Amino acid sequence: MGVLIFVHEQDAPVTPLTISQAFNMTKPSVTSMVTSLVRGGYLVKKPSQRDKRSYTLKPTSKGETLVNNTFDDYHKTIKIVKREMGKDRFKELVALLEDANTILSEET
C-alpha cells in the first residue's frame, strides 16, 4: 500500500529506482511489489520513450480509489507504530519487512 500511495502522491514520473531510493529498498523487493500492484490492477507501467528498458508507474482508477479510501487510516497507523517503536526500531522493522519481501519474491 505504501508504494501505491507514494506513486499517487508524486508530481514527477515515478520509476522503480525512485521507489527503491525513497523506501531504501532493494530493486528485487520493489519489482515484486510493483508486479503485484500491476497484476492487481492498481498500477500501470508506461514505457519510457528514451530508454525502452525503463518505465514509469501510474495509478489506475482502481488504485486511485483505493488510495483515496484508505490514505488517512494508513498514515495514522504507520505514524502510531513509528511513534511507539521509536525511529531506530521502526527502521529495523522496515528492514525486516524488506527481507521478508525479498524471500517471498524468490519463493514465488
N, C-alpha and C. Protein backbone atom coordinates (compact mmCIF):
# COMPACT_ATOMS: atom_id res chain seq x y z
N MET A 1 0.82 -1.19 0.00
CA MET A 1 0.00 0.00 0.00
C MET A 1 0.86 1.26 0.00
N GLY A 2 2.00 1.20 0.71
CA GLY A 2 2.89 2.36 0.77
C GLY A 2 3.40 2.77 -0.60
N VAL A 3 3.73 1.79 -1.43
CA VAL A 3 4.22 2.09 -2.78
C VAL A 3 3.12 2.75 -3.60
N LEU A 4 1.92 2.23 -3.51
CA LEU A 4 0.80 2.80 -4.25
C LEU A 4 0.55 4.24 -3.82
N ILE A 5 0.56 4.49 -2.53
CA ILE A 5 0.38 5.85 -2.03
C ILE A 5 1.50 6.76 -2.52
N PHE A 6 2.74 6.26 -2.47
CA PHE A 6 3.89 7.05 -2.93
C PHE A 6 3.72 7.45 -4.39
N VAL A 7 3.38 6.49 -5.24
CA VAL A 7 3.20 6.79 -6.67
C VAL A 7 2.07 7.80 -6.85
N HIS A 8 1.00 7.61 -6.12
CA HIS A 8 -0.16 8.50 -6.19
C HIS A 8 0.20 9.94 -5.82
N GLU A 9 1.06 10.12 -4.83
CA GLU A 9 1.37 11.44 -4.29
C GLU A 9 2.43 12.22 -5.07
N GLN A 10 3.16 11.57 -5.96
CA GLN A 10 4.25 12.23 -6.67
C GLN A 10 3.76 13.03 -7.86
N ASP A 11 4.37 14.21 -8.05
CA ASP A 11 4.07 15.02 -9.22
C ASP A 11 4.94 14.61 -10.41
N ALA A 12 6.17 14.21 -10.12
CA ALA A 12 7.11 13.79 -11.17
C ALA A 12 6.89 12.31 -11.48
N PRO A 13 7.30 11.88 -12.67
CA PRO A 13 7.19 10.46 -13.01
C PRO A 13 7.96 9.59 -12.00
N VAL A 14 7.38 8.43 -11.69
CA VAL A 14 7.97 7.52 -10.71
C VAL A 14 8.45 6.26 -11.42
N THR A 15 9.70 5.90 -11.16
CA THR A 15 10.29 4.67 -11.69
C THR A 15 10.54 3.72 -10.51
N PRO A 16 10.81 2.45 -10.80
CA PRO A 16 11.18 1.54 -9.71
C PRO A 16 12.40 2.04 -8.93
N LEU A 17 13.35 2.67 -9.61
CA LEU A 17 14.53 3.22 -8.92
C LEU A 17 14.12 4.32 -7.94
N THR A 18 13.18 5.17 -8.34
CA THR A 18 12.68 6.22 -7.46
C THR A 18 12.10 5.60 -6.18
N ILE A 19 11.32 4.55 -6.34
CA ILE A 19 10.71 3.86 -5.19
C ILE A 19 11.79 3.23 -4.33
N SER A 20 12.75 2.58 -4.97
CA SER A 20 13.84 1.93 -4.25
C SER A 20 14.59 2.92 -3.38
N GLN A 21 14.87 4.08 -3.92
CA GLN A 21 15.60 5.10 -3.18
C GLN A 21 14.74 5.73 -2.08
N ALA A 22 13.48 5.97 -2.36
CA ALA A 22 12.60 6.60 -1.39
C ALA A 22 12.34 5.72 -0.17
N PHE A 23 12.22 4.41 -0.40
CA PHE A 23 11.91 3.49 0.67
C PHE A 23 13.14 2.74 1.19
N ASN A 24 14.30 3.03 0.58
CA ASN A 24 15.53 2.34 0.95
C ASN A 24 15.35 0.83 0.84
N MET A 25 14.85 0.41 -0.31
CA MET A 25 14.57 -1.00 -0.57
C MET A 25 15.42 -1.49 -1.73
N THR A 26 15.63 -2.79 -1.77
CA THR A 26 16.35 -3.37 -2.90
C THR A 26 15.46 -3.36 -4.13
N LYS A 27 16.09 -3.37 -5.30
CA LYS A 27 15.32 -3.38 -6.54
C LYS A 27 14.45 -4.64 -6.67
N PRO A 28 14.95 -5.84 -6.25
CA PRO A 28 14.07 -7.01 -6.34
C PRO A 28 12.81 -6.87 -5.48
N SER A 29 12.93 -6.25 -4.31
CA SER A 29 11.76 -6.04 -3.46
C SER A 29 10.77 -5.10 -4.14
N VAL A 30 11.28 -4.05 -4.73
CA VAL A 30 10.42 -3.09 -5.43
C VAL A 30 9.75 -3.77 -6.62
N THR A 31 10.52 -4.54 -7.37
CA THR A 31 9.97 -5.24 -8.53
C THR A 31 8.83 -6.15 -8.12
N SER A 32 9.01 -6.86 -7.02
CA SER A 32 7.97 -7.76 -6.52
C SER A 32 6.71 -6.99 -6.17
N MET A 33 6.86 -5.88 -5.47
CA MET A 33 5.70 -5.08 -5.08
C MET A 33 5.00 -4.49 -6.30
N VAL A 34 5.79 -3.96 -7.22
CA VAL A 34 5.22 -3.35 -8.43
C VAL A 34 4.47 -4.41 -9.23
N THR A 35 5.06 -5.57 -9.39
CA THR A 35 4.42 -6.64 -10.14
C THR A 35 3.08 -7.01 -9.53
N SER A 36 3.05 -7.10 -8.22
CA SER A 36 1.81 -7.43 -7.51
C SER A 36 0.75 -6.34 -7.72
N LEU A 37 1.16 -5.08 -7.64
CA LEU A 37 0.22 -3.97 -7.82
C LEU A 37 -0.28 -3.88 -9.26
N VAL A 38 0.58 -4.20 -10.22
CA VAL A 38 0.17 -4.21 -11.63
C VAL A 38 -0.83 -5.35 -11.86
N ARG A 39 -0.50 -6.53 -11.35
CA ARG A 39 -1.41 -7.68 -11.50
C ARG A 39 -2.76 -7.43 -10.86
N GLY A 40 -2.75 -6.71 -9.74
CA GLY A 40 -4.00 -6.39 -9.04
C GLY A 40 -4.80 -5.30 -9.70
N GLY A 41 -4.22 -4.66 -10.71
CA GLY A 41 -4.92 -3.60 -11.42
C GLY A 41 -4.84 -2.24 -10.75
N TYR A 42 -3.85 -2.06 -9.85
CA TYR A 42 -3.71 -0.80 -9.13
C TYR A 42 -2.71 0.16 -9.77
N LEU A 43 -1.75 -0.38 -10.51
CA LEU A 43 -0.75 0.43 -11.21
C LEU A 43 -0.65 -0.04 -12.65
N VAL A 44 -0.21 0.87 -13.52
CA VAL A 44 0.13 0.52 -14.90
C VAL A 44 1.55 0.98 -15.17
N LYS A 45 2.23 0.25 -16.02
CA LYS A 45 3.58 0.61 -16.45
C LYS A 45 3.48 1.38 -17.76
N LYS A 46 4.17 2.51 -17.80
CA LYS A 46 4.24 3.33 -19.02
C LYS A 46 5.68 3.26 -19.54
N PRO A 47 5.91 2.63 -20.70
CA PRO A 47 7.27 2.52 -21.22
C PRO A 47 7.91 3.90 -21.44
N SER A 48 9.20 3.98 -21.15
CA SER A 48 9.95 5.21 -21.37
C SER A 48 10.17 5.40 -22.87
N GLN A 49 10.05 6.64 -23.31
CA GLN A 49 10.30 6.96 -24.72
C GLN A 49 11.80 6.95 -25.03
N ARG A 50 12.62 7.30 -24.03
CA ARG A 50 14.07 7.38 -24.24
C ARG A 50 14.78 6.04 -24.05
N ASP A 51 14.37 5.28 -23.05
CA ASP A 51 15.03 4.02 -22.72
C ASP A 51 13.98 2.93 -22.68
N LYS A 52 13.95 2.09 -23.67
CA LYS A 52 12.90 1.08 -23.80
C LYS A 52 12.94 0.04 -22.68
N ARG A 53 14.04 -0.01 -21.92
CA ARG A 53 14.13 -0.95 -20.80
C ARG A 53 13.47 -0.37 -19.55
N SER A 54 13.26 0.92 -19.52
CA SER A 54 12.74 1.59 -18.34
C SER A 54 11.25 1.91 -18.51
N TYR A 55 10.62 2.17 -17.38
CA TYR A 55 9.21 2.54 -17.40
C TYR A 55 8.88 3.38 -16.18
N THR A 56 7.79 4.12 -16.30
CA THR A 56 7.27 4.86 -15.15
C THR A 56 5.97 4.19 -14.73
N LEU A 57 5.53 4.54 -13.53
CA LEU A 57 4.33 3.93 -12.97
C LEU A 57 3.25 4.98 -12.75
N LYS A 58 2.02 4.59 -13.02
CA LYS A 58 0.88 5.47 -12.78
C LYS A 58 -0.22 4.64 -12.13
N PRO A 59 -0.91 5.23 -11.18
CA PRO A 59 -2.05 4.52 -10.58
C PRO A 59 -3.20 4.41 -11.58
N THR A 60 -3.91 3.32 -11.54
CA THR A 60 -5.13 3.18 -12.34
C THR A 60 -6.27 3.83 -11.57
N SER A 61 -7.43 3.88 -12.16
CA SER A 61 -8.58 4.43 -11.43
C SER A 61 -8.88 3.57 -10.20
N LYS A 62 -8.67 2.26 -10.31
CA LYS A 62 -8.85 1.36 -9.17
C LYS A 62 -7.84 1.70 -8.06
N GLY A 63 -6.60 1.98 -8.45
CA GLY A 63 -5.56 2.36 -7.49
C GLY A 63 -5.87 3.70 -6.84
N GLU A 64 -6.32 4.65 -7.63
CA GLU A 64 -6.68 5.97 -7.10
C GLU A 64 -7.81 5.85 -6.07
N THR A 65 -8.80 5.05 -6.39
CA THR A 65 -9.93 4.86 -5.48
C THR A 65 -9.47 4.24 -4.17
N LEU A 66 -8.62 3.22 -4.24
CA LEU A 66 -8.12 2.58 -3.04
C LEU A 66 -7.34 3.56 -2.17
N VAL A 67 -6.46 4.34 -2.79
CA VAL A 67 -5.68 5.33 -2.03
C VAL A 67 -6.61 6.34 -1.38
N ASN A 68 -7.54 6.87 -2.14
CA ASN A 68 -8.45 7.88 -1.61
C ASN A 68 -9.29 7.35 -0.45
N ASN A 69 -9.64 6.07 -0.49
CA ASN A 69 -10.47 5.49 0.55
C ASN A 69 -9.70 5.07 1.80
N THR A 70 -8.39 4.86 1.67
CA THR A 70 -7.64 4.31 2.80
C THR A 70 -6.46 5.17 3.26
N PHE A 71 -6.17 6.23 2.57
CA PHE A 71 -4.98 7.05 2.81
C PHE A 71 -4.86 7.51 4.27
N ASP A 72 -5.88 8.12 4.79
CA ASP A 72 -5.82 8.65 6.16
C ASP A 72 -5.60 7.56 7.20
N ASP A 73 -6.33 6.46 7.07
CA ASP A 73 -6.18 5.35 8.02
C ASP A 73 -4.78 4.75 7.94
N TYR A 74 -4.25 4.61 6.74
CA TYR A 74 -2.92 4.03 6.56
C TYR A 74 -1.86 4.89 7.25
N HIS A 75 -1.88 6.18 6.98
CA HIS A 75 -0.90 7.07 7.58
C HIS A 75 -1.03 7.14 9.10
N LYS A 76 -2.24 7.13 9.58
CA LYS A 76 -2.45 7.16 11.02
C LYS A 76 -1.82 5.92 11.67
N THR A 77 -2.04 4.77 11.09
CA THR A 77 -1.49 3.52 11.62
C THR A 77 0.03 3.53 11.60
N ILE A 78 0.61 3.95 10.50
CA ILE A 78 2.07 3.98 10.38
C ILE A 78 2.66 4.97 11.38
N LYS A 79 2.05 6.12 11.54
CA LYS A 79 2.54 7.11 12.50
C LYS A 79 2.50 6.59 13.93
N ILE A 80 1.44 5.87 14.27
CA ILE A 80 1.34 5.29 15.62
C ILE A 80 2.45 4.28 15.85
N VAL A 81 2.65 3.39 14.89
CA VAL A 81 3.70 2.36 15.02
C VAL A 81 5.06 3.02 15.13
N LYS A 82 5.35 3.99 14.29
CA LYS A 82 6.65 4.66 14.32
C LYS A 82 6.86 5.39 15.64
N ARG A 83 5.85 6.08 16.10
CA ARG A 83 5.96 6.83 17.36
C ARG A 83 6.20 5.88 18.53
N GLU A 84 5.46 4.80 18.60
CA GLU A 84 5.56 3.88 19.74
C GLU A 84 6.83 3.03 19.70
N MET A 85 7.29 2.69 18.52
CA MET A 85 8.51 1.88 18.40
C MET A 85 9.77 2.71 18.54
N GLY A 86 9.69 3.95 18.14
CA GLY A 86 10.88 4.79 18.07
C GLY A 86 11.52 4.65 16.70
N LYS A 87 12.30 5.65 16.34
CA LYS A 87 12.88 5.72 14.99
C LYS A 87 13.76 4.52 14.66
N ASP A 88 14.64 4.12 15.57
CA ASP A 88 15.57 3.03 15.28
C ASP A 88 14.86 1.69 15.12
N ARG A 89 13.95 1.39 16.03
CA ARG A 89 13.22 0.12 15.94
C ARG A 89 12.31 0.10 14.71
N PHE A 90 11.73 1.26 14.37
CA PHE A 90 10.89 1.33 13.18
C PHE A 90 11.72 1.08 11.92
N LYS A 91 12.92 1.65 11.89
CA LYS A 91 13.83 1.41 10.76
C LYS A 91 14.17 -0.07 10.64
N GLU A 92 14.39 -0.70 11.79
CA GLU A 92 14.67 -2.14 11.81
C GLU A 92 13.47 -2.93 11.28
N LEU A 93 12.27 -2.53 11.67
CA LEU A 93 11.06 -3.18 11.18
C LEU A 93 10.98 -3.10 9.66
N VAL A 94 11.24 -1.92 9.13
CA VAL A 94 11.20 -1.73 7.68
C VAL A 94 12.23 -2.64 7.00
N ALA A 95 13.43 -2.73 7.57
CA ALA A 95 14.47 -3.59 7.01
C ALA A 95 14.04 -5.06 7.04
N LEU A 96 13.43 -5.48 8.14
CA LEU A 96 12.96 -6.87 8.24
C LEU A 96 11.84 -7.15 7.25
N LEU A 97 10.95 -6.20 7.05
CA LEU A 97 9.89 -6.37 6.06
C LEU A 97 10.47 -6.45 4.65
N GLU A 98 11.50 -5.67 4.40
CA GLU A 98 12.17 -5.73 3.10
C GLU A 98 12.77 -7.12 2.89
N ASP A 99 13.43 -7.66 3.92
CA ASP A 99 13.98 -9.01 3.83
C ASP A 99 12.88 -10.03 3.56
N ALA A 100 11.77 -9.90 4.27
CA ALA A 100 10.65 -10.83 4.08
C ALA A 100 10.11 -10.74 2.65
N ASN A 101 10.00 -9.54 2.11
CA ASN A 101 9.52 -9.37 0.73
C ASN A 101 10.48 -10.01 -0.26
N THR A 102 11.77 -9.88 -0.01
CA THR A 102 12.76 -10.49 -0.90
C THR A 102 12.62 -12.00 -0.87
N ILE A 103 12.51 -12.57 0.33
CA ILE A 103 12.35 -14.02 0.47
C ILE A 103 11.09 -14.49 -0.25
N LEU A 104 10.00 -13.79 -0.05
CA LEU A 104 8.75 -14.19 -0.69
C LEU A 104 8.80 -14.06 -2.21
N SER A 105 9.49 -13.03 -2.69
CA SER A 105 9.59 -12.85 -4.14
C SER A 105 10.44 -13.95 -4.76
N GLU A 106 11.40 -14.48 -4.02
CA GLU A 106 12.24 -15.56 -4.52
C GLU A 106 11.51 -16.91 -4.49
N GLU A 107 10.53 -17.03 -3.61
CA GLU A 107 9.77 -18.28 -3.47
C GLU A 107 8.63 -18.41 -4.47
N THR A 108 8.20 -17.28 -5.04
CA THR A 108 7.05 -17.35 -5.95
C THR A 108 7.46 -17.25 -7.38
